[in-house]
Amino acid sequence: MTWPSCLTLKPRRRPAAAEPSLTACPDCGRDMDLIEKTTMTGSDRRTYRCEHCGEEHVVNFGPALWKILSDAREADDKREKQNG
């Protein structure tokens, strides 16, 4: 016995789309090697080199952790001084 086509189960879920990698080369899409990491400016900046293209790319990952913690500590200190 075969089922009518309206009763056959079809997969409704689609696989999740792959998120673009921050370490993938914007030119060729291959993974890049980490060359340098700096947080001195308050932002987490990393320099990557693509061996295939020979290009270097600077990626900004947002504020550095030490900067976030320092700003939070300053805000707490201000609140303490205001509250006595």
PDB file of N, CA and C in Angstrom:
ATOM      1  N   MET A   1       0.843  -1.178   0.000  1.00  0.00           N
ATOM      2  CA  MET A   1       0.000   0.000   0.000  1.00  0.00           C
ATOM      3  C   MET A   1       0.895   1.250   0.000  1.00  0.00           C
ATOM      4  N   THR A   2       0.596   2.188  -0.830  1.00  0.00           N
ATOM      5  CA  THR A   2       1.350   3.437  -0.872  1.00  0.00           C
ATOM      6  C   THR A   2       0.459   4.566  -0.393  1.00  0.00           C
ATOM      7  N   TRP A   3       1.085   5.542   0.230  1.00  0.00           N
ATOM      8  CA  TRP A   3       0.352   6.689   0.740  1.00  0.00           C
ATOM      9  C   TRP A   3       0.125   7.707  -0.375  1.00  0.00           C
ATOM     10  N   PRO A   4      -0.979   8.399  -0.310  1.00  0.00           N
ATOM     11  CA  PRO A   4      -1.174   9.479  -1.285  1.00  0.00           C
ATOM     12  C   PRO A   4      -0.127  10.570  -1.070  1.00  0.00           C
ATOM     13  N   SER A   5       0.187  11.300  -2.107  1.00  0.00           N
ATOM     14  CA  SER A   5       1.253  12.292  -2.029  1.00  0.00           C
ATOM     15  C   SER A   5       0.944  13.404  -1.031  1.00  0.00           C
ATOM     16  N   CYS A   6      -0.327  13.671  -0.759  1.00  0.00           N
ATOM     17  CA  CYS A   6      -0.656  14.728   0.197  1.00  0.00           C
ATOM     18  C   CYS A   6      -0.376  14.304   1.631  1.00  0.00           C
ATOM     19  N   LEU A   7      -0.191  13.019   1.881  1.00  0.00           N
ATOM     20  CA  LEU A   7       0.059  12.532   3.232  1.00  0.00           C
ATOM     21  C   LEU A   7       1.524  12.176   3.490  1.00  0.00           C
ATOM     22  N   THR A   8       2.356  12.292   2.498  1.00  0.00           N
ATOM     23  CA  THR A   8       3.763  11.962   2.727  1.00  0.00           C
ATOM     24  C   THR A   8       4.427  13.071   3.535  1.00  0.00           C
ATOM     25  N   LEU A   9       5.288  12.675   4.413  1.00  0.00           N
ATOM     26  CA  LEU A   9       5.987  13.632   5.265  1.00  0.00           C
ATOM     27  C   LEU A   9       7.142  14.265   4.507  1.00  0.00           C
ATOM     28  N   LYS A  10       7.199  15.555   4.595  1.00  0.00           N
ATOM     29  CA  LYS A  10       8.292  16.288   3.968  1.00  0.00           C
ATOM     30  C   LYS A  10       9.033  17.040   5.064  1.00  0.00           C
ATOM     31  N   PRO A  11      10.332  17.041   5.008  1.00  0.00           N
ATOM     32  CA  PRO A  11      11.070  17.781   6.038  1.00  0.00           C
ATOM     33  C   PRO A  11      10.777  19.279   5.927  1.00  0.00           C
ATOM     34  N   ARG A  12      10.387  19.874   7.036  1.00  0.00           N
ATOM     35  CA  ARG A  12      10.065  21.295   7.038  1.00  0.00           C
ATOM     36  C   ARG A  12      11.211  22.140   7.549  1.00  0.00           C
ATOM     37  N   ARG A  13      12.087  21.526   8.290  1.00  0.00           N
ATOM     38  CA  ARG A  13      13.218  22.268   8.836  1.00  0.00           C
ATOM     39  C   ARG A  13      14.296  22.422   7.785  1.00  0.00           C
ATOM     40  N   ARG A  14      14.842  23.591   7.752  1.00  0.00           N
ATOM     41  CA  ARG A  14      15.977  23.847   6.874  1.00  0.00           C
ATOM     42  C   ARG A  14      17.223  23.957   7.744  1.00  0.00           C
ATOM     43  N   PRO A  15      18.330  23.488   7.257  1.00  0.00           N
ATOM     44  CA  PRO A  15      19.551  23.635   8.058  1.00  0.00           C
ATOM     45  C   PRO A  15      19.865  25.106   8.262  1.00  0.00           C
ATOM     46  N   ALA A  16      20.408  25.393   9.422  1.00  0.00           N
ATOM     47  CA  ALA A  16      20.762  26.778   9.753  1.00  0.00           C
ATOM     48  C   ALA A  16      21.836  27.281   8.795  1.00  0.00           C
ATOM     49  N   ALA A  17      21.683  28.516   8.397  1.00  0.00           N
ATOM     50  CA  ALA A  17      22.681  29.117   7.507  1.00  0.00           C
ATOM     51  C   ALA A  17      23.973  29.330   8.278  1.00  0.00           C
ATOM     52  N   ALA A  18      25.057  29.044   7.647  1.00  0.00           N
ATOM     53  CA  ALA A  18      26.354  29.214   8.291  1.00  0.00           C
ATOM     54  C   ALA A  18      26.635  30.705   8.473  1.00  0.00           C
ATOM     55  N   GLU A  19      27.021  31.080   9.687  1.00  0.00           N
ATOM     56  CA  GLU A  19      27.351  32.481   9.955  1.00  0.00           C
ATOM     57  C   GLU A  19      28.717  32.793   9.372  1.00  0.00           C
ATOM     58  N   PRO A  20      28.877  33.978   8.830  1.00  0.00           N
ATOM     59  CA  PRO A  20      30.189  34.315   8.284  1.00  0.00           C
ATOM     60  C   PRO A  20      31.224  34.395   9.405  1.00  0.00           C
ATOM     61  N   SER A  21      32.372  33.867   9.147  1.00  0.00           N
ATOM     62  CA  SER A  21      33.443  33.859  10.138  1.00  0.00           C
ATOM     63  C   SER A  21      34.202  35.174  10.088  1.00  0.00           C
ATOM     64  N   LEU A  22      34.548  35.708  11.253  1.00  0.00           N
ATOM     65  CA  LEU A  22      35.335  36.932  11.301  1.00  0.00           C
ATOM     66  C   LEU A  22      36.787  36.686  10.918  1.00  0.00           C
ATOM     67  N   THR A  23      37.200  35.422  10.955  1.00  0.00           N
ATOM     68  CA  THR A  23      38.577  35.099  10.600  1.00  0.00           C
ATOM     69  C   THR A  23      38.698  34.620   9.163  1.00  0.00           C
ATOM     70  N   ALA A  24      37.615  34.689   8.386  1.00  0.00           N
ATOM     71  CA  ALA A  24      37.668  34.316   6.978  1.00  0.00           C
ATOM     72  C   ALA A  24      38.093  35.532   6.157  1.00  0.00           C
ATOM     73  N   CYS A  25      38.904  35.306   5.182  1.00  0.00           N
ATOM     74  CA  CYS A  25      39.385  36.387   4.317  1.00  0.00           C
ATOM     75  C   CYS A  25      38.204  36.972   3.536  1.00  0.00           C
ATOM     76  N   PRO A  26      38.039  38.305   3.556  1.00  0.00           N
ATOM     77  CA  PRO A  26      36.932  38.903   2.809  1.00  0.00           C
ATOM     78  C   PRO A  26      37.110  38.783   1.296  1.00  0.00           C
ATOM     79  N   ASP A  27      38.331  38.539   0.841  1.00  0.00           N
ATOM     80  CA  ASP A  27      38.581  38.434  -0.598  1.00  0.00           C
ATOM     81  C   ASP A  27      38.328  37.024  -1.131  1.00  0.00           C
ATOM     82  N   CYS A  28      38.933  36.019  -0.470  1.00  0.00           N
ATOM     83  CA  CYS A  28      38.829  34.650  -1.007  1.00  0.00           C
ATOM     84  C   CYS A  28      38.028  33.709  -0.117  1.00  0.00           C
ATOM     85  N   GLY A  29      37.728  34.107   1.140  1.00  0.00           N
ATOM     86  CA  GLY A  29      36.907  33.286   2.022  1.00  0.00           C
ATOM     87  C   GLY A  29      37.657  32.227   2.811  1.00  0.00           C
ATOM     88  N   ARG A  30      38.954  32.124   2.632  1.00  0.00           N
ATOM     89  CA  ARG A  30      39.742  31.127   3.375  1.00  0.00           C
ATOM     90  C   ARG A  30      40.081  31.652   4.766  1.00  0.00           C
ATOM     91  N   ASP A  31      40.406  30.730   5.683  1.00  0.00           N
ATOM     92  CA  ASP A  31      40.786  31.132   7.034  1.00  0.00           C
ATOM     93  C   ASP A  31      42.115  31.868   7.025  1.00  0.00           C
ATOM     94  N   MET A  32      42.204  32.866   7.901  1.00  0.00           N
ATOM     95  CA  MET A  32      43.431  33.665   8.004  1.00  0.00           C
ATOM     96  C   MET A  32      44.148  33.330   9.304  1.00  0.00           C
ATOM     97  N   ASP A  33      45.426  33.653   9.354  1.00  0.00           N
ATOM     98  CA  ASP A  33      46.256  33.424  10.541  1.00  0.00           C
ATOM     99  C   ASP A  33      46.336  34.708  11.354  1.00  0.00           C
ATOM    100  N   LEU A  34      46.231  34.568  12.696  1.00  0.00           N
ATOM    101  CA  LEU A  34      46.355  35.716  13.591  1.00  0.00           C
ATOM    102  C   LEU A  34      47.805  36.159  13.647  1.00  0.00           C
ATOM    103  N   ILE A  35      48.041  37.452  13.377  1.00  0.00           N
ATOM    104  CA  ILE A  35      49.389  37.999  13.385  1.00  0.00           C
ATOM    105  C   ILE A  35      49.619  38.827  14.650  1.00  0.00           C
ATOM    106  N   GLU A  36      48.655  39.689  14.998  1.00  0.00           N
ATOM    107  CA  GLU A  36      48.830  40.600  16.126  1.00  0.00           C
ATOM    108  C   GLU A  36      47.478  40.884  16.776  1.00  0.00           C
ATOM    109  N   LYS A  37      47.496  41.069  18.102  1.00  0.00           N
ATOM    110  CA  LYS A  37      46.303  41.454  18.847  1.00  0.00           C
ATOM    111  C   LYS A  37      46.668  42.642  19.724  1.00  0.00           C
ATOM    112  N   THR A  38      45.856  43.708  19.668  1.00  0.00           N
ATOM    113  CA  THR A  38      46.120  44.871  20.498  1.00  0.00           C
ATOM    114  C   THR A  38      44.820  45.366  21.118  1.00  0.00           C
ATOM    115  N   THR A  39      44.914  45.784  22.396  1.00  0.00           N
ATOM    116  CA  THR A  39      43.753  46.332  23.096  1.00  0.00           C
ATOM    117  C   THR A  39      44.103  47.668  23.737  1.00  0.00           C
ATOM    118  N   MET A  40      45.237  48.253  23.380  1.00  0.00           N
ATOM    119  CA  MET A  40      45.703  49.475  24.036  1.00  0.00           C
ATOM    120  C   MET A  40      44.776  50.664  23.795  1.00  0.00           C
ATOM    121  N   THR A  41      44.077  50.690  22.689  1.00  0.00           N
ATOM    122  CA  THR A  41      43.205  51.823  22.366  1.00  0.00           C
ATOM    123  C   THR A  41      41.837  51.697  23.020  1.00  0.00           C
ATOM    124  N   GLY A  42      41.579  50.587  23.704  1.00  0.00           N
ATOM    125  CA  GLY A  42      40.272  50.363  24.318  1.00  0.00           C
ATOM    126  C   GLY A  42      39.365  49.504  23.463  1.00  0.00           C
ATOM    127  N   SER A  43      39.813  49.185  22.266  1.00  0.00           N
ATOM    128  CA  SER A  43      39.048  48.279  21.419  1.00  0.00           C
ATOM    129  C   SER A  43      39.915  47.062  21.101  1.00  0.00           C
ATOM    130  N   ASP A  44      39.261  45.932  20.909  1.00  0.00           N
ATOM    131  CA  ASP A  44      39.953  44.676  20.641  1.00  0.00           C
ATOM    132  C   ASP A  44      40.185  44.572  19.134  1.00  0.00           C
ATOM    133  N   ARG A  45      41.387  44.930  18.691  1.00  0.00           N
ATOM    134  CA  ARG A  45      41.715  44.895  17.262  1.00  0.00           C
ATOM    135  C   ARG A  45      42.725  43.778  17.023  1.00  0.00           C
ATOM    136  N   ARG A  46      42.452  43.009  15.996  1.00  0.00           N
ATOM    137  CA  ARG A  46      43.340  41.897  15.652  1.00  0.00           C
ATOM    138  C   ARG A  46      43.723  41.985  14.181  1.00  0.00           C
ATOM    139  N   THR A  47      44.973  41.707  13.896  1.00  0.00           N
ATOM    140  CA  THR A  47      45.464  41.718  12.529  1.00  0.00           C
ATOM    141  C   THR A  47      45.625  40.271  12.068  1.00  0.00           C
ATOM    142  N   TYR A  48      45.017  39.957  10.944  1.00  0.00           N
ATOM    143  CA  TYR A  48      45.089  38.622  10.360  1.00  0.00           C
ATOM    144  C   TYR A  48      45.750  38.704   8.996  1.00  0.00           C
ATOM    145  N   ARG A  49      46.452  37.629   8.613  1.00  0.00           N
ATOM    146  CA  ARG A  49      47.066  37.548   7.295  1.00  0.00           C
ATOM    147  C   ARG A  49      46.514  36.325   6.570  1.00  0.00           C
ATOM    148  N   CYS A  50      46.117  36.543   5.332  1.00  0.00           N
ATOM    149  CA  CYS A  50      45.650  35.448   4.480  1.00  0.00           C
ATOM    150  C   CYS A  50      46.854  34.932   3.693  1.00  0.00           C
ATOM    151  N   GLU A  51      47.214  33.684   3.900  1.00  0.00           N
ATOM    152  CA  GLU A  51      48.366  33.106   3.210  1.00  0.00           C
ATOM    153  C   GLU A  51      48.093  32.976   1.713  1.00  0.00           C
ATOM    154  N   HIS A  52      46.855  32.723   1.346  1.00  0.00           N
ATOM    155  CA  HIS A  52      46.511  32.530  -0.065  1.00  0.00           C
ATOM    156  C   HIS A  52      46.621  33.840  -0.845  1.00  0.00           C
ATOM    157  N   CYS A  53      46.033  34.915  -0.306  1.00  0.00           N
ATOM    158  CA  CYS A  53      46.046  36.220  -0.988  1.00  0.00           C
ATOM    159  C   CYS A  53      47.302  37.025  -0.682  1.00  0.00           C
ATOM    160  N   GLY A  54      47.881  36.782   0.503  1.00  0.00           N
ATOM    161  CA  GLY A  54      49.017  37.585   0.935  1.00  0.00           C
ATOM    162  C   GLY A  54      48.607  38.929   1.515  1.00  0.00           C
ATOM    163  N   GLU A  55      47.314  39.132   1.749  1.00  0.00           N
ATOM    164  CA  GLU A  55      46.796  40.397   2.283  1.00  0.00           C
ATOM    165  C   GLU A  55      46.683  40.326   3.801  1.00  0.00           C
ATOM    166  N   GLU A  56      46.831  41.479   4.450  1.00  0.00           N
ATOM    167  CA  GLU A  56      46.598  41.583   5.895  1.00  0.00           C
ATOM    168  C   GLU A  56      45.315  42.366   6.115  1.00  0.00           C
ATOM    169  N   HIS A  57      44.509  41.914   7.064  1.00  0.00           N
ATOM    170  CA  HIS A  57      43.232  42.547   7.361  1.00  0.00           C
ATOM    171  C   HIS A  57      43.146  42.810   8.858  1.00  0.00           C
ATOM    172  N   VAL A  58      42.678  43.994   9.235  1.00  0.00           N
ATOM    173  CA  VAL A  58      42.482  44.360  10.635  1.00  0.00           C
ATOM    174  C   VAL A  58      41.000  44.189  10.947  1.00  0.00           C
ATOM    175  N   VAL A  59      40.706  43.390  11.991  1.00  0.00           N
ATOM    176  CA  VAL A  59      39.324  43.120  12.391  1.00  0.00           C
ATOM    177  C   VAL A  59      39.113  43.719  13.769  1.00  0.00           C
ATOM    178  N   ASN A  60      38.065  44.523  13.917  1.00  0.00           N
ATOM    179  CA  ASN A  60      37.726  45.132  15.198  1.00  0.00           C
ATOM    180  C   ASN A  60      36.648  44.278  15.860  1.00  0.00           C
ATOM    181  N   PHE A  61      36.959  43.688  17.010  1.00  0.00           N
ATOM    182  CA  PHE A  61      36.027  42.824  17.729  1.00  0.00           C
ATOM    183  C   PHE A  61      35.228  43.588  18.780  1.00  0.00           C
ATOM    184  N   GLY A  62      35.279  44.913  18.760  1.00  0.00           N
ATOM    185  CA  GLY A  62      34.513  45.712  19.712  1.00  0.00           C
ATOM    186  C   GLY A  62      35.365  46.162  20.879  1.00  0.00           C
ATOM    187  N   PRO A  63      34.704  46.638  21.950  1.00  0.00           N
ATOM    188  CA  PRO A  63      35.468  47.141  23.099  1.00  0.00           C
ATOM    189  C   PRO A  63      36.238  46.021  23.793  1.00  0.00           C
ATOM    190  N   ALA A  64      37.410  46.389  24.293  1.00  0.00           N
ATOM    191  CA  ALA A  64      38.237  45.424  25.015  1.00  0.00           C
ATOM    192  C   ALA A  64      37.623  45.148  26.389  1.00  0.00           C
ATOM    193  N   LEU A  65      37.838  43.949  26.896  1.00  0.00           N
ATOM    194  CA  LEU A  65      37.270  43.556  28.183  1.00  0.00           C
ATOM    195  C   LEU A  65      37.753  44.467  29.304  1.00  0.00           C
ATOM    196  N   TRP A  66      39.037  44.831  29.305  1.00  0.00           N
ATOM    197  CA  TRP A  66      39.549  45.692  30.382  1.00  0.00           C
ATOM    198  C   TRP A  66      38.856  47.047  30.369  1.00  0.00           C
ATOM    199  N   LYS A  67      38.483  47.534  29.182  1.00  0.00           N
ATOM    200  CA  LYS A  67      37.815  48.828  29.064  1.00  0.00           C
ATOM    201  C   LYS A  67      36.398  48.747  29.643  1.00  0.00           C
ATOM    202  N   ILE A  68      35.702  47.675  29.362  1.00  0.00           N
ATOM    203  CA  ILE A  68      34.342  47.483  29.883  1.00  0.00           C
ATOM    204  C   ILE A  68      34.369  47.405  31.404  1.00  0.00           C
ATOM    205  N   LEU A  69      35.315  46.634  31.948  1.00  0.00           N
ATOM    206  CA  LEU A  69      35.409  46.491  33.399  1.00  0.00           C
ATOM    207  C   LEU A  69      35.825  47.792  34.066  1.00  0.00           C
ATOM    208  N   SER A  70      36.720  48.531  33.439  1.00  0.00           N
ATOM    209  CA  SER A  70      37.162  49.815  33.990  1.00  0.00           C
ATOM    210  C   SER A  70      36.008  50.819  34.017  1.00  0.00           C
ATOM    211  N   ASP A  71      35.232  50.885  32.941  1.00  0.00           N
ATOM    212  CA  ASP A  71      34.088  51.795  32.897  1.00  0.00           C
ATOM    213  C   ASP A  71      33.047  51.426  33.947  1.00  0.00           C
ATOM    214  N   ALA A  72      32.823  50.129  34.155  1.00  0.00           N
ATOM    215  CA  ALA A  72      31.854  49.687  35.159  1.00  0.00           C
ATOM    216  C   ALA A  72      32.336  50.047  36.562  1.00  0.00           C
ATOM    217  N   ARG A  73      33.631  49.894  36.814  1.00  0.00           N
ATOM    218  CA  ARG A  73      34.186  50.229  38.127  1.00  0.00           C
ATOM    219  C   ARG A  73      34.071  51.727  38.387  1.00  0.00           C
ATOM    220  N   GLU A  74      34.332  52.551  37.376  1.00  0.00           N
ATOM    221  CA  GLU A  74      34.204  54.001  37.529  1.00  0.00           C
ATOM    222  C   GLU A  74      32.765  54.395  37.838  1.00  0.00           C
ATOM    223  N   ALA A  75      31.811  53.753  37.183  1.00  0.00           N
ATOM    224  CA  ALA A  75      30.399  54.047  37.442  1.00  0.00           C
ATOM    225  C   ALA A  75      30.027  53.660  38.875  1.00  0.00           C
ATOM    226  N   ASP A  76      30.538  52.531  39.360  1.00  0.00           N
ATOM    227  CA  ASP A  76      30.271  52.115  40.739  1.00  0.00           C
ATOM    228  C   ASP A  76      30.890  53.092  41.736  1.00  0.00           C
ATOM    229  N   ASP A  77      32.100  53.554  41.451  1.00  0.00           N
ATOM    230  CA  ASP A  77      32.764  54.514  42.339  1.00  0.00           C
ATOM    231  C   ASP A  77      31.981  55.826  42.414  1.00  0.00           C
ATOM    232  N   LYS A  78      31.458  56.272  41.288  1.00  0.00           N
ATOM    233  CA  LYS A  78      30.654  57.501  41.267  1.00  0.00           C
ATOM    234  C   LYS A  78      29.395  57.345  42.116  1.00  0.00           C
ATOM    235  N   ARG A  79      28.730  56.187  41.983  1.00  0.00           N
ATOM    236  CA  ARG A  79      27.511  55.942  42.756  1.00  0.00           C
ATOM    237  C   ARG A  79      27.799  55.913  44.257  1.00  0.00           C
ATOM    238  N   GLU A  80      28.939  55.311  44.625  1.00  0.00           N
ATOM    239  CA  GLU A  80      29.309  55.255  46.036  1.00  0.00           C
ATOM    240  C   GLU A  80      29.558  56.649  46.603  1.00  0.00           C
ATOM    241  N   LYS A  81      30.220  57.497  45.828  1.00  0.00           N
ATOM    242  CA  LYS A  81      30.502  58.849  46.297  1.00  0.00           C
ATOM    243  C   LYS A  81      29.224  59.658  46.431  1.00  0.00           C
ATOM    244  N   GLN A  82      28.276  59.454  45.534  1.00  0.00           N
ATOM    245  CA  GLN A  82      27.021  60.195  45.589  1.00  0.00           C
ATOM    246  C   GLN A  82      26.140  59.737  46.747  1.00  0.00           C
ATOM    247  N   ASN A  83      26.180  58.443  47.070  1.00  0.00           N
ATOM    248  CA  ASN A  83      25.340  57.884  48.131  1.00  0.00           C
ATOM    249  C   ASN A  83      25.987  58.007  49.511  1.00  0.00           C
ATOM    250  N   GLY A  84      27.178  58.446  49.567  1.00  0.00           N
ATOM    251  CA  GLY A  84      27.815  58.705  50.855  1.00  0.00           C
ATOM    252  C   GLY A  84      28.723  57.676  51.277  1.00  0.00           C
TER     253      GLY A  84
END
